[in-house]
C-alpha atoms as a PDB file:
ATOM      1  CA  UNK A   1      -0.993 -11.357 -21.801  1.00  0.00           C
ATOM      2  CA  UNK A   2       1.179 -12.392 -18.851  1.00  0.00           C
ATOM      3  CA  UNK A   3       3.901  -9.893 -19.728  1.00  0.00           C
ATOM      4  CA  UNK A   4       1.373  -7.047 -19.836  1.00  0.00           C
ATOM      5  CA  UNK A   5      -0.056  -7.997 -16.456  1.00  0.00           C
ATOM      6  CA  UNK A   6       3.491  -8.091 -15.143  1.00  0.00           C
ATOM      7  CA  UNK A   7       4.134  -4.641 -16.597  1.00  0.00           C
ATOM      8  CA  UNK A   8       1.057  -3.317 -14.790  1.00  0.00           C
ATOM      9  CA  UNK A   9       2.162  -5.173 -11.620  1.00  0.00           C
ATOM     10  CA  UNK A  10      -1.352  -6.418 -11.007  1.00  0.00           C
ATOM     11  CA  UNK A  11      -0.127  -8.380  -7.984  1.00  0.00           C
ATOM     12  CA  UNK A  12       0.604  -5.022  -6.321  1.00  0.00           C
ATOM     13  CA  UNK A  13      -3.038  -4.018  -6.560  1.00  0.00           C
ATOM     14  CA  UNK A  14      -3.582  -5.797  -3.242  1.00  0.00           C
ATOM     15  CA  UNK A  15      -2.286  -2.580  -1.647  1.00  0.00           C
ATOM     16  CA  UNK A  16      -5.335  -0.761  -2.947  1.00  0.00           C
ATOM     17  CA  UNK A  17      -7.735  -2.720  -0.716  1.00  0.00           C
ATOM     18  CA  UNK A  18      -7.014   0.107   1.739  1.00  0.00           C
ATOM     19  CA  UNK A  19      -9.677   2.113  -0.119  1.00  0.00           C
ATOM     20  CA  UNK A  20     -12.241  -0.234   1.462  1.00  0.00           C
ATOM     21  CA  UNK A  21     -11.128   0.597   5.029  1.00  0.00           C
ATOM     22  CA  UNK A  22     -13.638   3.460   5.571  1.00  0.00           C
ATOM     23  CA  UNK A  23     -16.494   1.382   4.135  1.00  0.00           C
ATOM     24  CA  UNK A  24     -15.694  -1.689   6.221  1.00  0.00           C
ATOM     25  CA  UNK A  25     -15.227   0.027   9.576  1.00  0.00           C
ATOM     26  CA  UNK A  26     -18.239   2.306   9.117  1.00  0.00           C
ATOM     27  CA  UNK A  27     -20.500  -0.756   8.967  1.00  0.00           C
ATOM     28  CA  UNK A  28     -21.652  -0.013   5.409  1.00  0.00           C
ATOM     29  CA  UNK A  29     -20.104  -2.939   3.551  1.00  0.00           C
ATOM     30  CA  UNK A  30     -23.624  -4.214   2.767  1.00  0.00           C
ATOM     31  CA  UNK A  31     -24.634  -0.872   1.218  1.00  0.00           C
ATOM     32  CA  UNK A  32     -24.533  -1.684  -2.500  1.00  0.00           C
ATOM     33  CA  UNK A  33     -24.233   1.928  -3.633  1.00  0.00           C
ATOM     34  CA  UNK A  34     -21.326   2.708  -1.316  1.00  0.00           C
ATOM     35  CA  UNK A  35     -19.718  -0.624  -2.172  1.00  0.00           C
ATOM     36  CA  UNK A  36     -19.924   0.257  -5.884  1.00  0.00           C
ATOM     37  CA  UNK A  37     -18.286   3.600  -5.178  1.00  0.00           C
ATOM     38  CA  UNK A  38     -15.473   1.884  -3.265  1.00  0.00           C
ATOM     39  CA  UNK A  39     -14.954  -0.592  -6.112  1.00  0.00           C
ATOM     40  CA  UNK A  40     -14.649   2.367  -8.494  1.00  0.00           C
ATOM     41  CA  UNK A  41     -12.070   3.907  -6.158  1.00  0.00           C
ATOM     42  CA  UNK A  42     -10.156   0.618  -6.127  1.00  0.00           C
ATOM     43  CA  UNK A  43     -10.108   0.398  -9.937  1.00  0.00           C
ATOM     44  CA  UNK A  44      -9.167   4.049 -10.432  1.00  0.00           C
ATOM     45  CA  UNK A  45      -6.392   3.872  -7.829  1.00  0.00           C
ATOM     46  CA  UNK A  46      -5.098   0.594  -9.281  1.00  0.00           C
ATOM     47  CA  UNK A  47      -4.860   2.080 -12.773  1.00  0.00           C
ATOM     48  CA  UNK A  48      -3.090   5.167 -11.410  1.00  0.00           C
ATOM     49  CA  UNK A  49      -0.649   2.930  -9.516  1.00  0.00           C
ATOM     50  CA  UNK A  50       0.047   0.899 -12.670  1.00  0.00           C
ATOM     51  CA  UNK A  51       0.800   4.093 -14.593  1.00  0.00           C
ATOM     52  CA  UNK A  52       3.347   4.979 -11.911  1.00  0.00           C
ATOM     53  CA  UNK A  53       4.871   1.473 -12.082  1.00  0.00           C
ATOM     54  CA  UNK A  54       5.269   1.702 -15.862  1.00  0.00           C
ATOM     55  CA  UNK A  55       6.837   5.148 -15.569  1.00  0.00           C
ATOM     56  CA  UNK A  56       9.206   3.890 -12.875  1.00  0.00           C
ATOM     57  CA  UNK A  57      10.251   0.837 -14.911  1.00  0.00           C
ATOM     58  CA  UNK A  58      10.777   3.014 -17.978  1.00  0.00           C
ATOM     59  CA  UNK A  59      12.989   5.407 -15.998  1.00  0.00           C
ATOM     60  CA  UNK A  60      14.939   2.617 -14.253  1.00  0.00           C
ATOM     61  CA  UNK A  61      15.300   0.245 -17.207  1.00  0.00           C
ATOM     62  CA  UNK A  62      19.104   0.285 -17.220  1.00  0.00           C
ATOM     63  CA  UNK A  63      19.442  -0.060 -13.439  1.00  0.00           C
ATOM     64  CA  UNK A  64      16.862  -2.871 -13.395  1.00  0.00           C
ATOM     65  CA  UNK A  65      18.925  -4.849 -15.910  1.00  0.00           C
ATOM     66  CA  UNK A  66      21.689  -5.020 -13.281  1.00  0.00           C
ATOM     67  CA  UNK A  67      19.328  -6.229 -10.529  1.00  0.00           C
ATOM     68  CA  UNK A  68      19.071 -10.000  -9.851  1.00  0.00           C
ATOM     69  CA  UNK A  69      15.240  -9.960  -9.823  1.00  0.00           C
ATOM     70  CA  UNK A  70      14.198  -6.748 -11.553  1.00  0.00           C
ATOM     71  CA  UNK A  71      16.079  -7.722 -14.707  1.00  0.00           C
ATOM     72  CA  UNK A  72      13.144 -10.051 -15.458  1.00  0.00           C
ATOM     73  CA  UNK A  73      10.631  -7.216 -15.619  1.00  0.00           C
ATOM     74  CA  UNK A  74       9.049  -6.803 -19.091  1.00  0.00           C
ATOM     75  CA  UNK A  75      10.842  -3.555 -19.968  1.00  0.00           C
ATOM     76  CA  UNK A  76      14.228  -4.525 -18.548  1.00  0.00           C
ATOM     77  CA  UNK A  77      14.130  -7.942 -20.216  1.00  0.00           C
ATOM     78  CA  UNK A  78      12.943  -6.546 -23.546  1.00  0.00           C
ATOM     79  CA  UNK A  79       9.678  -8.531 -23.513  1.00  0.00           C
ATOM     80  CA  UNK A  80       7.890  -5.199 -23.995  1.00  0.00           C
ATOM     81  CA  UNK A  81       9.468  -2.384 -25.985  1.00  0.00           C
ATOM     82  CA  UNK A  82       9.667   1.232 -24.852  1.00  0.00           C
ATOM     83  CA  UNK A  83       7.157   2.455 -27.487  1.00  0.00           C
ATOM     84  CA  UNK A  84       4.700  -0.238 -26.398  1.00  0.00           C
ATOM     85  CA  UNK A  85       5.091   0.794 -22.769  1.00  0.00           C
ATOM     86  CA  UNK A  86       4.508   4.463 -23.606  1.00  0.00           C
ATOM     87  CA  UNK A  87       1.383   3.579 -25.595  1.00  0.00           C
ATOM     88  CA  UNK A  88       0.005   1.515 -22.706  1.00  0.00           C
ATOM     89  CA  UNK A  89       0.852   4.273 -20.229  1.00  0.00           C
ATOM     90  CA  UNK A  90      -0.973   6.947 -22.248  1.00  0.00           C
ATOM     91  CA  UNK A  91      -3.959   4.652 -22.751  1.00  0.00           C
ATOM     92  CA  UNK A  92      -4.239   3.983 -19.033  1.00  0.00           C
ATOM     93  CA  UNK A  93      -4.002   7.685 -18.166  1.00  0.00           C
ATOM     94  CA  UNK A  94      -6.876   8.398 -20.561  1.00  0.00           C
ATOM     95  CA  UNK A  95      -8.891   5.502 -19.139  1.00  0.00           C
ATOM     96  CA  UNK A  96      -8.303   6.638 -15.567  1.00  0.00           C
ATOM     97  CA  UNK A  97      -9.382  10.206 -16.331  1.00  0.00           C
ATOM     98  CA  UNK A  98     -12.477   8.872 -18.111  1.00  0.00           C
ATOM     99  CA  UNK A  99     -13.402   6.748 -15.073  1.00  0.00           C
ATOM    100  CA  UNK A 100     -12.957   9.717 -12.724  1.00  0.00           C
ATOM    101  CA  UNK A 101     -15.233  11.861 -14.916  1.00  0.00           C
ATOM    102  CA  UNK A 102     -17.742   9.006 -15.160  1.00  0.00           C
ATOM    103  CA  UNK A 103     -17.784   8.606 -11.385  1.00  0.00           C
ATOM    104  CA  UNK A 104     -18.524  12.331 -11.055  1.00  0.00           C
ATOM    105  CA  UNK A 105     -21.570  11.862 -13.297  1.00  0.00           C
ATOM    106  CA  UNK A 106     -22.736   8.448 -12.093  1.00  0.00           C
ATOM    107  CA  UNK A 107     -22.548   9.036  -8.357  1.00  0.00           C
ATOM    108  CA  UNK A 108     -24.131  12.507  -8.572  1.00  0.00           C
ATOM    109  CA  UNK A 109     -21.936  14.148  -5.982  1.00  0.00           C
ATOM    110  CA  UNK A 110     -18.994  16.507  -5.814  1.00  0.00           C
ATOM    111  CA  UNK A 111     -15.955  14.254  -5.912  1.00  0.00           C
ATOM    112  CA  UNK A 112     -13.322  16.931  -6.377  1.00  0.00           C
ATOM    113  CA  UNK A 113     -11.553  15.795  -3.191  1.00  0.00           C
ATOM    114  CA  UNK A 114     -11.348  12.253  -4.541  1.00  0.00           C
ATOM    115  CA  UNK A 115     -10.015  13.500  -7.889  1.00  0.00           C
ATOM    116  CA  UNK A 116      -7.524  15.719  -6.036  1.00  0.00           C
ATOM    117  CA  UNK A 117      -6.267  12.699  -4.061  1.00  0.00           C
ATOM    118  CA  UNK A 118      -5.676  10.729  -7.278  1.00  0.00           C
ATOM    119  CA  UNK A 119      -3.929  13.732  -8.848  1.00  0.00           C
ATOM    120  CA  UNK A 120      -1.765  14.292  -5.785  1.00  0.00           C
ATOM    121  CA  UNK A 121      -0.865  10.596  -5.647  1.00  0.00           C
ATOM    122  CA  UNK A 122       0.238  10.693  -9.276  1.00  0.00           C
ATOM    123  CA  UNK A 123       2.252  13.928  -8.966  1.00  0.00           C
ATOM    124  CA  UNK A 124       3.876  12.734  -5.731  1.00  0.00           C
ATOM    125  CA  UNK A 125       4.935   9.459  -7.315  1.00  0.00           C
ATOM    126  CA  UNK A 126       6.250  11.130 -10.460  1.00  0.00           C
ATOM    127  CA  UNK A 127       8.448  13.245  -8.167  1.00  0.00           C
ATOM    128  CA  UNK A 128       9.394  10.050  -6.314  1.00  0.00           C
ATOM    129  CA  UNK A 129      10.322   8.262  -9.553  1.00  0.00           C
ATOM    130  CA  UNK A 130      12.575  10.995 -10.899  1.00  0.00           C
ATOM    131  CA  UNK A 131      14.062  12.479  -7.741  1.00  0.00           C
ATOM    132  CA  UNK A 132      12.655  11.805  -4.283  1.00  0.00           C
ATOM    133  CA  UNK A 133      13.316   8.073  -4.157  1.00  0.00           C
ATOM    134  CA  UNK A 134      16.981   9.023  -3.894  1.00  0.00           C
ATOM    135  CA  UNK A 135      16.371  11.176  -0.796  1.00  0.00           C
ATOM    136  CA  UNK A 136      16.656   9.043   2.393  1.00  0.00           C
ATOM    137  CA  UNK A 137      13.727   9.108   4.832  1.00  0.00           C
ATOM    138  CA  UNK A 138      11.602  11.163   2.441  1.00  0.00           C
ATOM    139  CA  UNK A 139      11.387   8.161   0.107  1.00  0.00           C
ATOM    140  CA  UNK A 140       9.888   5.843   2.727  1.00  0.00           C
ATOM    141  CA  UNK A 141       7.571   8.596   3.946  1.00  0.00           C
ATOM    142  CA  UNK A 142       6.219   8.976   0.402  1.00  0.00           C
ATOM    143  CA  UNK A 143       5.491   5.242   0.273  1.00  0.00           C
ATOM    144  CA  UNK A 144       3.654   5.466   3.608  1.00  0.00           C
ATOM    145  CA  UNK A 145       1.706   8.555   2.535  1.00  0.00           C
ATOM    146  CA  UNK A 146       0.604   6.623  -0.557  1.00  0.00           C
ATOM    147  CA  UNK A 147      -1.268   4.180   1.679  1.00  0.00           C
ATOM    148  CA  UNK A 148      -2.898   7.019   3.609  1.00  0.00           C
ATOM    149  CA  UNK A 149      -4.067   8.486   0.290  1.00  0.00           C
ATOM    150  CA  UNK A 150      -5.742   5.172  -0.508  1.00  0.00           C
ATOM    151  CA  UNK A 151      -7.739   5.357   2.718  1.00  0.00           C
ATOM    152  CA  UNK A 152      -8.628   9.011   2.053  1.00  0.00           C
ATOM    153  CA  UNK A 153      -9.729   8.136  -1.475  1.00  0.00           C
ATOM    154  CA  UNK A 154     -12.082   5.473  -0.120  1.00  0.00           C
ATOM    155  CA  UNK A 155     -13.524   7.952   2.352  1.00  0.00           C
ATOM    156  CA  UNK A 156     -13.971  10.829  -0.077  1.00  0.00           C
ATOM    157  CA  UNK A 157     -15.653   8.823  -2.832  1.00  0.00           C
ATOM    158  CA  UNK A 158     -18.204   7.401  -0.372  1.00  0.00           C
ATOM    159  CA  UNK A 159     -18.546  10.461   1.848  1.00  0.00           C
ATOM    160  CA  UNK A 160     -17.637   8.376   4.909  1.00  0.00           C
ATOM    161  CA  UNK A 161     -15.824  10.105   7.767  1.00  0.00           C
ATOM    162  CA  UNK A 162     -12.227   8.955   8.228  1.00  0.00           C
ATOM    163  CA  UNK A 163     -10.984   8.845  11.818  1.00  0.00           C
ATOM    164  CA  UNK A 164      -7.572  10.051  12.897  1.00  0.00           C
ATOM    165  CA  UNK A 165      -6.859   6.522  14.147  1.00  0.00           C
ATOM    166  CA  UNK A 166      -7.342   5.122  10.634  1.00  0.00           C
ATOM    167  CA  UNK A 167      -4.910   7.640   9.170  1.00  0.00           C
ATOM    168  CA  UNK A 168      -2.303   7.226  11.929  1.00  0.00           C
ATOM    169  CA  UNK A 169      -2.323   3.414  11.983  1.00  0.00           C
ATOM    170  CA  UNK A 170      -2.282   3.183   8.186  1.00  0.00           C
ATOM    171  CA  UNK A 171       0.705   5.521   7.993  1.00  0.00           C
ATOM    172  CA  UNK A 172       2.760   3.682  10.630  1.00  0.00           C
ATOM    173  CA  UNK A 173       1.939   0.247   9.224  1.00  0.00           C
ATOM    174  CA  UNK A 174       2.933   1.370   5.731  1.00  0.00           C
ATOM    175  CA  UNK A 175       6.124   2.848   7.152  1.00  0.00           C
ATOM    176  CA  UNK A 176       7.019  -0.583   8.546  1.00  0.00           C
ATOM    177  CA  UNK A 177       6.547  -2.140   5.109  1.00  0.00           C
ATOM    178  CA  UNK A 178       8.605   0.594   3.434  1.00  0.00           C
ATOM    179  CA  UNK A 179      11.492   0.213   5.887  1.00  0.00           C
ATOM    180  CA  UNK A 180      11.343  -3.570   5.538  1.00  0.00           C
ATOM    181  CA  UNK A 181      11.536  -3.188   1.773  1.00  0.00           C
ATOM    182  CA  UNK A 182      14.609  -0.979   2.013  1.00  0.00           C
ATOM    183  CA  UNK A 183      16.246  -3.433   4.396  1.00  0.00           C
ATOM    184  CA  UNK A 184      15.618  -6.294   1.990  1.00  0.00           C
ATOM    185  CA  UNK A 185      17.202  -4.276  -0.794  1.00  0.00           C
ATOM    186  CA  UNK A 186      20.238  -3.603   1.387  1.00  0.00           C
ATOM    187  CA  UNK A 187      20.665  -7.323   2.099  1.00  0.00           C
ATOM    188  CA  UNK A 188      20.421  -8.127  -1.616  1.00  0.00           C
ATOM    189  CA  UNK A 189      22.990  -5.440  -2.355  1.00  0.00           C
ATOM    190  CA  UNK A 190      25.398  -7.010   0.151  1.00  0.00           C
ATOM    191  CA  UNK A 191      24.954 -10.439  -1.409  1.00  0.00           C
ATOM    192  CA  UNK A 192      25.244  -9.337  -5.038  1.00  0.00           C
ATOM    193  CA  UNK A 193      27.865  -6.671  -4.407  1.00  0.00           C
ATOM    194  CA  UNK A 194      25.792  -4.216  -6.448  1.00  0.00           C
ATOM    195  CA  UNK A 195      24.121  -1.217  -4.877  1.00  0.00           C
ATOM    196  CA  UNK A 196      22.066   1.640  -6.279  1.00  0.00           C
ATOM    197  CA  UNK A 197      21.517   5.298  -5.567  1.00  0.00           C
ATOM    198  CA  UNK A 198      18.130   4.700  -3.926  1.00  0.00           C
ATOM    199  CA  UNK A 199      19.919   2.995  -1.015  1.00  0.00           C
ATOM    200  CA  UNK A 200      22.238   5.915  -0.275  1.00  0.00           C
ATOM    201  CA  UNK A 201      21.713   7.096   3.284  1.00  0.00           C
ATOM    202  CA  UNK A 202      20.670   3.682   4.571  1.00  0.00           C
ATOM    203  CA  UNK A 203      22.396   0.722   6.138  1.00  0.00           C
ATOM    204  CA  UNK A 204      21.118  -2.453   7.771  1.00  0.00           C
ATOM    205  CA  UNK A 205      21.708  -1.193  11.308  1.00  0.00           C
ATOM    206  CA  UNK A 206      19.674   1.959  10.675  1.00  0.00           C
ATOM    207  CA  UNK A 207      16.897  -0.078   9.034  1.00  0.00           C
ATOM    208  CA  UNK A 208      16.770  -2.459  12.022  1.00  0.00           C
ATOM    209  CA  UNK A 209      16.478   0.417  14.505  1.00  0.00           C
ATOM    210  CA  UNK A 210      13.883   2.268  12.413  1.00  0.00           C
ATOM    211  CA  UNK A 211      11.901  -0.946  12.000  1.00  0.00           C
ATOM    212  CA  UNK A 212      11.933  -1.621  15.748  1.00  0.00           C
ATOM    213  CA  UNK A 213      10.789   1.926  16.516  1.00  0.00           C
ATOM    214  CA  UNK A 214       7.971   1.742  13.963  1.00  0.00           C
ATOM    215  CA  UNK A 215       6.738  -1.644  15.191  1.00  0.00           C
ATOM    216  CA  UNK A 216       6.752  -0.434  18.800  1.00  0.00           C
ATOM    217  CA  UNK A 217       4.883   2.717  17.811  1.00  0.00           C
ATOM    218  CA  UNK A 218       2.305   0.648  15.918  1.00  0.00           C
ATOM    219  CA  UNK A 219       1.606  -1.605  18.905  1.00  0.00           C
ATOM    220  CA  UNK A 220       1.293   1.363  21.287  1.00  0.00           C
ATOM    221  CA  UNK A 221      -1.024   3.247  18.908  1.00  0.00           C
ATOM    222  CA  UNK A 222      -3.156   0.172  18.329  1.00  0.00           C
ATOM    223  CA  UNK A 223      -3.461  -0.364  22.081  1.00  0.00           C
ATOM    224  CA  UNK A 224      -4.576   3.261  22.482  1.00  0.00           C
ATOM    225  CA  UNK A 225      -7.023   2.778  19.617  1.00  0.00           C
ATOM    226  CA  UNK A 226      -8.687  -0.286  21.161  1.00  0.00           C
ATOM    227  CA  UNK A 227      -8.894   1.378  24.583  1.00  0.00           C
ATOM    228  CA  UNK A 228     -10.267   4.712  23.357  1.00  0.00           C
ATOM    229  CA  UNK A 229     -13.829   5.413  24.599  1.00  0.00           C
ATOM    230  CA  UNK A 230     -15.285   5.887  21.099  1.00  0.00           C
ATOM    231  CA  UNK A 231     -13.916   2.553  19.872  1.00  0.00           C
ATOM    232  CA  UNK A 232     -15.010   0.708  23.020  1.00  0.00           C
ATOM    233  CA  UNK A 233     -18.511   2.145  22.590  1.00  0.00           C
ATOM    234  CA  UNK A 234     -18.721   1.503  18.845  1.00  0.00           C
ATOM    235  CA  UNK A 235     -17.513  -2.090  18.943  1.00  0.00           C
ATOM    236  CA  UNK A 236     -17.151  -3.934  22.242  1.00  0.00           C
ATOM    237  CA  UNK A 237     -14.673  -3.784  25.152  1.00  0.00           C
ATOM    238  CA  UNK A 238     -13.399  -7.173  23.983  1.00  0.00           C
ATOM    239  CA  UNK A 239     -11.992  -5.471  20.864  1.00  0.00           C
ATOM    240  CA  UNK A 240      -8.922  -5.005  23.068  1.00  0.00           C
ATOM    241  CA  UNK A 241      -8.047  -8.672  22.552  1.00  0.00           C
ATOM    242  CA  UNK A 242      -7.446  -8.121  18.828  1.00  0.00           C
ATOM    243  CA  UNK A 243      -4.085  -6.746  19.983  1.00  0.00           C
ATOM    244  CA  UNK A 244      -2.989 -10.402  20.057  1.00  0.00           C
ATOM    245  CA  UNK A 245      -3.407 -10.671  16.272  1.00  0.00           C
ATOM    246  CA  UNK A 246      -1.565  -7.404  15.661  1.00  0.00           C
ATOM    247  CA  UNK A 247       1.393  -8.299  17.861  1.00  0.00           C
ATOM    248  CA  UNK A 248       1.674 -11.786  16.345  1.00  0.00           C
ATOM    249  CA  UNK A 249       1.546 -10.469  12.762  1.00  0.00           C
ATOM    250  CA  UNK A 250       4.165  -7.814  13.486  1.00  0.00           C
ATOM    251  CA  UNK A 251       6.492 -10.282  15.216  1.00  0.00           C
ATOM    252  CA  UNK A 252       6.101 -12.686  12.295  1.00  0.00           C
ATOM    253  CA  UNK A 253       6.943  -9.861   9.910  1.00  0.00           C
ATOM    254  CA  UNK A 254      10.011  -8.982  11.971  1.00  0.00           C
ATOM    255  CA  UNK A 255      11.049 -12.636  11.903  1.00  0.00           C
ATOM    256  CA  UNK A 256      10.765 -12.714   8.119  1.00  0.00           C
ATOM    257  CA  UNK A 257      12.701  -9.450   7.880  1.00  0.00           C
ATOM    258  CA  UNK A 258      15.435  -9.822  10.482  1.00  0.00           C
ATOM    259  CA  UNK A 259      15.924 -13.593  10.490  1.00  0.00           C
ATOM    260  CA  UNK A 260      15.113 -14.753   6.964  1.00  0.00           C
ATOM    261  CA  UNK A 261      15.657 -11.498   5.001  1.00  0.00           C
ATOM    262  CA  UNK A 262      12.604 -12.195   2.835  1.00  0.00           C
ATOM    263  CA  UNK A 263      10.921  -8.796   2.707  1.00  0.00           C
ATOM    264  CA  UNK A 264      12.301  -6.803  -0.207  1.00  0.00           C
ATOM    265  CA  UNK A 265       8.763  -6.919  -1.567  1.00  0.00           C
ATOM    266  CA  UNK A 266       6.309  -6.706   1.368  1.00  0.00           C
ATOM    267  CA  UNK A 267       3.384  -7.897  -0.760  1.00  0.00           C
ATOM    268  CA  UNK A 268       5.120 -11.280  -1.059  1.00  0.00           C
ATOM    269  CA  UNK A 269       4.378 -11.755   2.643  1.00  0.00           C
ATOM    270  CA  UNK A 270       0.657 -11.556   1.974  1.00  0.00           C
ATOM    271  CA  UNK A 271       0.852 -13.997  -0.911  1.00  0.00           C
ATOM    272  CA  UNK A 272       3.241 -16.533   0.641  1.00  0.00           C
ATOM    273  CA  UNK A 273       3.194 -16.457   4.441  1.00  0.00           C
ATOM    274  CA  UNK A 274       0.375 -18.623   5.783  1.00  0.00           C
ATOM    275  CA  UNK A 275       0.854 -17.446   9.369  1.00  0.00           C
ATOM    276  CA  UNK A 276       0.283 -13.802   8.494  1.00  0.00           C
ATOM    277  CA  UNK A 277      -2.570 -14.714   6.156  1.00  0.00           C
ATOM    278  CA  UNK A 278      -4.399 -16.605   8.895  1.00  0.00           C
ATOM    279  CA  UNK A 279      -3.712 -13.859  11.441  1.00  0.00           C
ATOM    280  CA  UNK A 280      -5.061 -11.155   9.123  1.00  0.00           C
ATOM    281  CA  UNK A 281      -8.094 -13.298   8.369  1.00  0.00           C
ATOM    282  CA  UNK A 282      -8.832 -13.782  12.072  1.00  0.00           C
ATOM    283  CA  UNK A 283      -8.410 -10.055  12.691  1.00  0.00           C
ATOM    284  CA  UNK A 284     -10.813  -9.174   9.861  1.00  0.00           C
ATOM    285  CA  UNK A 285     -13.353 -11.806  10.954  1.00  0.00           C
ATOM    286  CA  UNK A 286     -13.235 -10.513  14.535  1.00  0.00           C
ATOM    287  CA  UNK A 287     -14.084  -6.986  13.418  1.00  0.00           C
ATOM    288  CA  UNK A 288     -16.621  -8.334  10.952  1.00  0.00           C
ATOM    289  CA  UNK A 289     -18.475  -9.973  13.832  1.00  0.00           C
ATOM    290  CA  UNK A 290     -18.152  -6.924  16.043  1.00  0.00           C
ATOM    291  CA  UNK A 291     -19.458  -4.555  13.360  1.00  0.00           C
ATOM    292  CA  UNK A 292     -22.039  -6.559  11.440  1.00  0.00           C
ATOM    293  CA  UNK A 293     -23.198  -9.264  13.865  1.00  0.00           C
ATOM    294  CA  UNK A 294     -22.995  -7.400  17.136  1.00  0.00           C
ATOM    295  CA  UNK A 295     -26.632  -7.864  18.096  1.00  0.00           C
END
């Protein structure tokens, strides 16, 4: 069972919690119907992401066998055969389509926008797997857009309005993670002496500059977000102080990236770094209080 979970990269499903962003910030997390819809979006998006991961591993099987870490993946290591992977992939595509059709029937609303988001995500990532991941800049933009699509999916399935701030901040934050991932891969390539086509057009200096620009842009945009009249009115003027959590988390991430070179896989930060975990928890709790226990 473990090898199949590894093939699906279940640990990467944490990225799909972004589908809950519209529900959480709209103050509807206690609405059982909307929560059920968001859970459906999470499951559907997770299955679609796993299909993409399987397709990517299948396409990169030879290159992964030369990678110090990726050689242990089920397909690269031979723990799962190619025919088995194809069978699982087809089964998951069928299951995902069935869940999308079921959600159309169960939730009794026109979810064509949600279905279109899932379809676009899949097509975009197929193009990424076979071609676009070898095109510098475009590759990291595709990763960032994938996170924005998660937020849009959560909004469309629930019918909750998605603010421009949510889209902008999600995109920039995801861009930071994508650049950090590329930088980690570059460091590994320097150590092992083995590079790959996906890293063409990048070097560590460029990654450091791009990372610094993105972090600065994130802090400025978040400051503007907390000081905007609509946010001040919706939450509380003290929401401005959550900037402390954002700045600390970003500086910690930069430390892990630039000092310790530990960010080839950004999701490892969430699972391993206690400082960032606590900071994210405090940030979420602060907004939880502001939204749901304001009175």
